[in-house]
Amino acid sequence: MSAEAKLKELGLSLPEASSPVANYVRFKKVGDIAYLSGQGPRRADGTYPTGKVGADVTVAEAYEHAKQTGLGLLAAMRDAAGSLDKVEVVKLLGMVNATPDFSDQPKVINGCSDLLVAVLGENGRHARSAVGMGSLPNNMTVEIEAIIRVLP
């Protein structure tokens, strides 16, 4: 089953690819590797969920934010590779806007990781780091960047 068909089966759709808000590009290809710029859980109206995970935002809410971020990353992956069926996820860096004592960053970033595996199967499995941050741009709850391999 194609990745696009899997998205439909899951009742999901990809957002419009977001434009950079500063002096950078959405992705940079070097050979068969593409580096995707960090993204947050952008809503349809262009805003982001905000707040500190562990104080203002629950782990379950932040998991959904990471899943939403994953949909944005999938849109960027499709643009970088031409098709989601030509994508292999190599590495994610997941950053969580969290209180100093928060320690469940992996549970939050699982929202993105679980989505990538559900949509891409084995090509969605990846190495990953999940870290806490004192703040993120726009006070968003989650930011995730990715490295992918574009398959022939």
Protein backbone atom coordinates (compact mmCIF):
# COMPACT_ATOMS: atom_id res chain seq x y z
CA MET A 1 0.00 0.00 0.00
CA SER A 2 1.35 3.43 -0.90
CA ALA A 3 2.07 5.95 1.83
CA GLU A 4 -0.61 8.28 0.40
CA ALA A 5 -3.17 5.44 0.57
CA LYS A 6 -2.07 4.71 4.14
CA LEU A 7 -2.67 8.35 5.08
CA LYS A 8 -6.21 8.13 3.68
CA GLU A 9 -6.83 4.83 5.47
CA LEU A 10 -5.79 6.52 8.73
CA GLY A 11 -8.14 9.43 8.00
CA LEU A 12 -5.25 11.90 7.78
CA SER A 13 -4.23 14.50 5.24
CA LEU A 14 -1.07 16.51 4.84
CA PRO A 15 -1.13 20.25 5.44
CA GLU A 16 0.08 22.75 2.90
CA ALA A 17 3.84 23.02 3.10
CA SER A 18 4.80 25.92 5.34
CA SER A 19 7.02 28.76 4.17
CA PRO A 20 10.15 29.61 6.14
CA VAL A 21 9.68 32.49 8.59
CA ALA A 22 13.33 33.57 8.49
CA ASN A 23 16.49 33.17 6.38
CA TYR A 24 16.49 29.39 5.78
CA VAL A 25 14.99 26.80 3.44
CA ARG A 26 12.45 24.07 4.29
CA PHE A 27 14.90 21.34 3.28
CA LYS A 28 18.39 20.98 1.86
CA LYS A 29 19.34 18.00 -0.29
CA VAL A 30 22.91 16.71 -0.34
CA GLY A 31 23.13 13.68 -2.61
CA ASP A 32 20.42 11.25 -1.53
CA ILE A 33 20.12 12.82 1.95
CA ALA A 34 17.69 15.64 2.73
CA TYR A 35 17.85 17.70 5.91
CA LEU A 36 14.44 19.06 6.92
CA SER A 37 14.24 22.27 8.92
CA GLY A 38 12.53 22.16 12.28
CA GLN A 39 8.76 22.49 12.32
CA GLY A 40 6.13 22.91 14.96
CA PRO A 41 2.49 21.85 15.23
CA ARG A 42 1.08 24.52 12.93
CA ARG A 43 -2.70 24.76 12.88
CA ALA A 44 -4.69 25.41 9.69
CA ASP A 45 -4.90 29.13 10.61
CA GLY A 46 -1.09 29.34 10.90
CA THR A 47 -0.95 29.55 14.71
CA TYR A 48 0.78 27.12 17.05
CA PRO A 49 -0.29 25.50 20.32
CA THR A 50 1.73 27.23 23.02
CA GLY A 51 2.86 26.65 26.57
CA LYS A 52 5.13 24.55 28.71
CA VAL A 53 4.67 20.80 28.72
CA GLY A 54 4.50 19.74 32.33
CA ALA A 55 2.67 22.92 33.40
CA ASP A 56 0.26 24.28 30.77
CA VAL A 57 0.15 21.27 28.44
CA THR A 58 -0.26 17.56 29.23
CA VAL A 59 1.83 14.76 27.77
CA ALA A 60 -1.25 13.54 25.84
CA GLU A 61 -1.83 16.99 24.33
CA ALA A 62 1.84 17.38 23.45
CA TYR A 63 1.83 13.88 21.86
CA GLU A 64 -0.91 15.13 19.52
CA HIS A 65 1.14 18.27 18.81
CA ALA A 66 4.10 16.06 17.85
CA LYS A 67 1.79 14.03 15.60
CA GLN A 68 0.60 17.25 13.91
CA THR A 69 4.23 18.27 13.48
CA GLY A 70 4.86 14.87 11.86
CA LEU A 71 2.19 15.61 9.25
CA GLY A 72 4.03 18.82 8.39
CA LEU A 73 7.30 16.93 8.15
CA LEU A 74 5.67 14.36 5.86
CA ALA A 75 4.56 17.21 3.58
CA ALA A 76 8.15 18.50 3.47
CA MET A 77 9.43 14.94 2.86
CA ARG A 78 7.08 14.54 -0.08
CA ASP A 79 8.34 17.82 -1.55
CA ALA A 80 11.99 16.82 -1.01
CA ALA A 81 11.62 13.29 -2.44
CA GLY A 82 8.82 13.78 -4.97
CA SER A 83 6.81 10.98 -3.34
CA LEU A 84 6.42 9.60 0.17
CA ASP A 85 7.11 6.17 -1.30
CA LYS A 86 10.69 7.32 -1.95
CA VAL A 87 11.35 8.38 1.66
CA GLU A 88 13.38 6.61 4.35
CA VAL A 89 13.52 8.47 7.67
CA VAL A 90 17.04 8.38 9.08
CA LYS A 91 16.94 10.60 12.20
CA LEU A 92 14.64 12.89 14.17
CA LEU A 93 15.52 15.55 16.68
CA GLY A 94 12.48 16.29 18.83
CA MET A 95 12.50 19.33 21.10
CA VAL A 96 9.88 19.84 23.81
CA ASN A 97 9.16 23.23 25.39
CA ALA A 98 9.05 21.90 28.94
CA THR A 99 9.35 22.78 32.58
CA PRO A 100 12.81 22.16 34.08
CA ASP A 101 11.64 19.03 35.94
CA PHE A 102 9.77 17.47 32.98
CA SER A 103 11.30 14.14 31.93
CA ASP A 104 8.82 12.52 29.52
CA GLN A 105 10.17 14.06 26.30
CA PRO A 106 10.30 10.62 24.60
CA LYS A 107 6.57 10.07 25.28
CA VAL A 108 5.80 13.40 23.61
CA ILE A 109 7.96 12.84 20.51
CA ASN A 110 6.44 9.36 20.12
CA GLY A 111 3.51 11.23 18.55
CA CYS A 112 5.68 11.95 15.52
CA SER A 113 7.56 8.66 15.54
CA ASP A 114 4.37 6.60 15.78
CA LEU A 115 2.87 8.53 12.85
CA LEU A 116 5.93 8.06 10.63
CA VAL A 117 5.95 4.30 11.21
CA ALA A 118 2.17 4.07 10.68
CA VAL A 119 2.42 5.89 7.34
CA LEU A 120 5.81 4.74 6.01
CA GLY A 121 6.15 1.30 7.62
CA GLU A 122 9.75 0.15 8.00
CA ASN A 123 10.94 3.21 6.05
CA GLY A 124 9.53 5.32 8.88
CA ARG A 125 11.71 3.71 11.59
CA HIS A 126 14.50 6.05 12.61
CA ALA A 127 17.16 7.01 15.11
CA ARG A 128 15.98 9.79 17.41
CA SER A 129 16.80 12.27 20.12
CA ALA A 130 14.08 13.77 22.34
CA VAL A 131 15.17 16.69 24.49
CA GLY A 132 13.68 19.37 26.69
CA MET A 133 14.12 23.06 25.92
CA GLY A 134 13.69 26.14 28.07
CA SER A 135 11.77 27.80 25.21
CA LEU A 136 10.94 27.36 21.54
CA PRO A 137 10.06 29.89 18.81
CA ASN A 138 6.57 31.41 19.20
CA ASN A 139 6.37 29.59 22.56
CA MET A 140 5.23 26.49 20.61
CA THR A 141 5.12 23.23 22.53
CA VAL A 142 7.14 21.03 20.17
CA GLU A 143 9.65 21.43 17.35
CA ILE A 144 10.98 18.51 15.31
CA GLU A 145 13.57 18.32 12.56
CA ALA A 146 14.40 15.32 10.39
CA ILE A 147 17.03 13.77 8.19
CA ILE A 148 15.75 11.53 5.41
CA ARG A 149 17.19 9.46 2.60
CA VAL A 150 15.60 9.84 -0.83
CA LEU A 151 15.30 6.40 -2.38
CA PRO A 152 15.87 5.82 -6.10
